[in-house]
N, C-alpha and C. Protein backbone atom coordinates (compact mmCIF):
# COMPACT_ATOMS: atom_id res chain seq x y z
N MET A 1 -30.45 -0.40 -35.83
CA MET A 1 -29.51 -0.29 -36.69
C MET A 1 -28.72 0.95 -35.84
N GLY A 2 -29.65 1.94 -35.60
CA GLY A 2 -29.12 3.22 -34.79
C GLY A 2 -28.59 3.00 -33.73
N ASP A 3 -28.67 2.05 -32.86
CA ASP A 3 -27.94 1.65 -31.81
C ASP A 3 -26.56 1.31 -31.96
N LEU A 4 -26.46 0.60 -32.92
CA LEU A 4 -24.93 0.11 -33.46
C LEU A 4 -24.09 1.41 -33.77
N THR A 5 -24.87 2.31 -34.22
CA THR A 5 -23.84 3.43 -34.81
C THR A 5 -23.75 4.28 -33.70
N ARG A 6 -24.53 4.37 -32.72
CA ARG A 6 -24.29 5.37 -31.48
C ARG A 6 -22.97 4.53 -30.74
N ILE A 7 -23.08 3.11 -30.63
CA ILE A 7 -22.10 2.37 -29.84
C ILE A 7 -20.60 2.62 -30.61
N ALA A 8 -20.74 2.51 -31.94
CA ALA A 8 -19.45 2.62 -32.72
C ALA A 8 -18.73 4.15 -32.61
N THR A 9 -19.88 5.18 -32.55
CA THR A 9 -19.42 6.53 -32.17
C THR A 9 -18.69 6.88 -30.96
N ASN A 10 -19.55 6.21 -29.87
CA ASN A 10 -19.12 6.14 -28.61
C ASN A 10 -17.82 5.47 -28.33
N VAL A 11 -17.50 4.36 -28.91
CA VAL A 11 -16.10 3.83 -28.63
C VAL A 11 -15.05 4.58 -29.46
N ARG A 12 -15.42 5.42 -30.46
CA ARG A 12 -14.50 6.23 -31.16
C ARG A 12 -14.07 7.49 -30.45
N ALA A 13 -15.12 7.95 -29.68
CA ALA A 13 -15.13 9.06 -28.94
C ALA A 13 -14.31 8.82 -27.48
N LEU A 14 -14.39 7.59 -27.01
CA LEU A 14 -13.58 7.24 -25.96
C LEU A 14 -12.28 7.05 -26.26
N GLN A 15 -11.99 6.47 -27.45
CA GLN A 15 -10.56 6.07 -28.01
C GLN A 15 -9.79 7.53 -28.17
N SER A 16 -10.58 8.62 -28.76
CA SER A 16 -10.10 9.82 -28.96
C SER A 16 -9.66 10.45 -27.42
N LEU A 17 -10.56 10.14 -26.59
CA LEU A 17 -10.55 10.82 -25.14
C LEU A 17 -9.22 10.33 -24.53
N SER A 18 -9.02 8.85 -24.72
CA SER A 18 -7.80 8.43 -24.02
C SER A 18 -6.71 9.12 -24.77
N SER A 19 -6.58 9.00 -26.12
CA SER A 19 -5.55 9.71 -26.90
C SER A 19 -5.13 11.07 -26.27
N MET A 20 -6.30 11.89 -26.09
CA MET A 20 -5.85 13.19 -25.75
C MET A 20 -5.50 13.27 -24.35
N GLN A 21 -5.92 12.44 -23.53
CA GLN A 21 -5.40 12.31 -22.06
C GLN A 21 -3.98 12.08 -22.25
N LYS A 22 -3.56 11.12 -22.89
CA LYS A 22 -2.09 10.68 -23.02
C LYS A 22 -1.14 11.80 -23.49
N ILE A 23 -1.78 12.49 -24.42
CA ILE A 23 -0.91 13.73 -25.06
C ILE A 23 -0.93 14.64 -23.95
N ASN A 24 -1.92 15.22 -23.33
CA ASN A 24 -1.96 16.12 -22.31
C ASN A 24 -0.99 15.72 -21.13
N ASN A 25 -1.09 14.58 -20.64
CA ASN A 25 0.03 14.12 -19.65
C ASN A 25 1.48 14.25 -20.20
N ALA A 26 1.71 13.86 -21.47
CA ALA A 26 2.99 14.05 -21.96
C ALA A 26 3.58 15.53 -21.89
N ILE A 27 2.59 16.44 -22.52
CA ILE A 27 2.81 17.94 -22.49
C ILE A 27 3.06 18.37 -21.06
N GLY A 28 2.27 18.00 -20.10
CA GLY A 28 2.55 18.47 -18.80
C GLY A 28 4.02 17.82 -18.26
N GLN A 29 4.43 16.70 -18.48
CA GLN A 29 5.65 16.32 -18.23
C GLN A 29 6.73 17.18 -18.73
N HIS A 30 6.65 17.51 -20.08
CA HIS A 30 7.51 18.30 -20.94
C HIS A 30 7.61 19.73 -20.29
N GLN A 31 6.42 20.23 -20.03
CA GLN A 31 6.36 21.50 -19.60
C GLN A 31 7.08 21.59 -18.05
N THR A 32 7.07 20.58 -17.24
CA THR A 32 7.58 20.63 -16.05
C THR A 32 8.99 20.60 -16.05
N ARG A 33 9.68 19.73 -17.08
CA ARG A 33 10.99 19.60 -17.47
C ARG A 33 11.42 20.86 -17.86
N LEU A 34 10.90 21.69 -18.74
CA LEU A 34 11.21 22.89 -19.23
C LEU A 34 11.42 23.91 -18.26
N SER A 35 10.32 24.04 -17.33
CA SER A 35 10.21 25.06 -16.35
C SER A 35 11.15 24.95 -15.37
N THR A 36 11.54 23.65 -15.02
CA THR A 36 12.42 23.41 -13.72
C THR A 36 13.91 23.22 -14.35
N GLY A 37 14.13 22.93 -15.76
CA GLY A 37 15.44 22.62 -16.24
C GLY A 37 16.16 21.37 -15.73
N LYS A 38 15.35 20.43 -15.04
CA LYS A 38 15.76 19.22 -14.63
C LYS A 38 15.26 18.14 -15.66
N LYS A 39 16.03 17.25 -15.64
CA LYS A 39 15.40 15.91 -16.34
C LYS A 39 14.56 14.97 -15.57
N ILE A 40 14.98 14.99 -14.40
CA ILE A 40 14.32 14.09 -13.30
C ILE A 40 13.71 15.11 -12.23
N ASN A 41 12.34 14.97 -12.34
CA ASN A 41 11.60 15.80 -11.25
C ASN A 41 10.73 15.10 -10.10
N SER A 42 10.53 13.99 -10.47
CA SER A 42 10.04 12.92 -9.68
C SER A 42 10.47 11.62 -9.59
N ALA A 43 10.28 10.86 -8.67
CA ALA A 43 10.70 9.28 -8.74
C ALA A 43 10.16 8.57 -10.06
N ALA A 44 8.94 9.10 -10.27
CA ALA A 44 8.46 8.35 -11.52
C ALA A 44 9.22 8.59 -12.85
N ASP A 45 10.01 9.72 -12.99
CA ASP A 45 10.79 9.70 -14.05
C ASP A 45 11.95 8.86 -14.31
N ASP A 46 12.49 8.58 -13.23
CA ASP A 46 13.55 7.54 -13.17
C ASP A 46 14.01 7.40 -11.63
N PRO A 47 13.51 6.26 -11.17
CA PRO A 47 13.53 5.99 -9.68
C PRO A 47 15.18 5.97 -9.22
N ALA A 48 15.76 5.22 -9.78
CA ALA A 48 17.23 5.18 -9.61
C ALA A 48 17.95 6.69 -9.50
N GLY A 49 17.78 7.24 -10.50
CA GLY A 49 18.33 8.67 -10.88
C GLY A 49 17.93 9.57 -9.70
N TYR A 50 16.51 9.31 -9.54
CA TYR A 50 16.00 10.34 -8.40
C TYR A 50 16.65 10.25 -7.04
N GLN A 51 16.78 8.95 -6.49
CA GLN A 51 17.38 8.52 -5.34
C GLN A 51 18.90 9.17 -5.38
N LEU A 52 19.72 9.02 -6.57
CA LEU A 52 21.01 9.24 -6.54
C LEU A 52 21.12 11.02 -6.50
N ALA A 53 20.31 11.68 -7.15
CA ALA A 53 20.19 12.93 -7.03
C ALA A 53 19.85 13.59 -5.72
N ARG A 54 18.97 12.91 -5.00
CA ARG A 54 18.47 13.42 -3.73
C ARG A 54 19.65 13.04 -2.76
N GLY A 55 20.18 12.17 -2.89
CA GLY A 55 21.44 11.63 -1.96
C GLY A 55 22.60 12.75 -2.31
N LEU A 56 22.80 13.14 -3.61
CA LEU A 56 23.76 14.27 -3.88
C LEU A 56 23.54 15.73 -3.30
N GLU A 57 22.13 15.97 -3.21
CA GLU A 57 21.72 17.18 -2.91
C GLU A 57 21.82 17.39 -1.38
N SER A 58 21.60 16.17 -0.53
CA SER A 58 21.58 16.30 0.88
C SER A 58 23.12 16.35 0.97
N ARG A 59 24.21 15.50 0.50
CA ARG A 59 25.53 15.56 0.63
C ARG A 59 26.21 17.10 0.45
N GLY A 60 25.44 17.69 -0.54
CA GLY A 60 25.88 19.14 -0.72
C GLY A 60 25.41 20.01 0.31
N ARG A 61 24.28 19.81 0.85
CA ARG A 61 23.80 20.71 2.12
C ARG A 61 24.77 20.39 3.15
N GLY A 62 25.10 19.22 3.46
CA GLY A 62 25.89 18.78 4.41
C GLY A 62 27.17 19.44 4.56
N LEU A 63 27.86 19.66 3.03
CA LEU A 63 29.11 20.18 2.82
C LEU A 63 29.04 21.59 3.27
N THR A 64 28.07 22.13 2.82
CA THR A 64 27.70 23.77 2.93
C THR A 64 27.81 24.10 4.50
N VAL A 65 26.96 23.23 5.07
CA VAL A 65 27.03 23.51 6.77
C VAL A 65 28.43 23.32 7.29
N ALA A 66 29.03 22.19 6.71
CA ALA A 66 30.35 21.97 7.30
C ALA A 66 31.32 23.07 7.01
N LEU A 67 31.29 23.64 5.92
CA LEU A 67 32.06 24.82 5.39
C LEU A 67 31.82 26.01 6.24
N ALA A 68 30.29 26.20 6.53
CA ALA A 68 29.96 27.27 7.24
C ALA A 68 30.53 27.21 8.72
N ASN A 69 30.51 25.65 9.15
CA ASN A 69 31.22 25.82 10.60
C ASN A 69 32.62 26.02 10.85
N VAL A 70 33.36 25.71 9.67
CA VAL A 70 34.83 26.03 9.54
C VAL A 70 35.15 27.44 9.51
N SER A 71 34.23 28.21 8.99
CA SER A 71 34.61 29.70 8.70
C SER A 71 34.62 30.51 10.04
């Protein structure tokens, strides 16, 4: 009977560990968003939005260079 109690306890401990890891991951993601002020920080957040944002950043840099060349 003692072995079954240990198994049940270990299963509960593993479930608790899994829940804590999910919570820690969510907290990390929220902290990153808060610290950067950005909604999309990596492709994992929103792949299409990330590609769009990267393209706009690149276009902005290109326009900055073009403006500097005109001046």
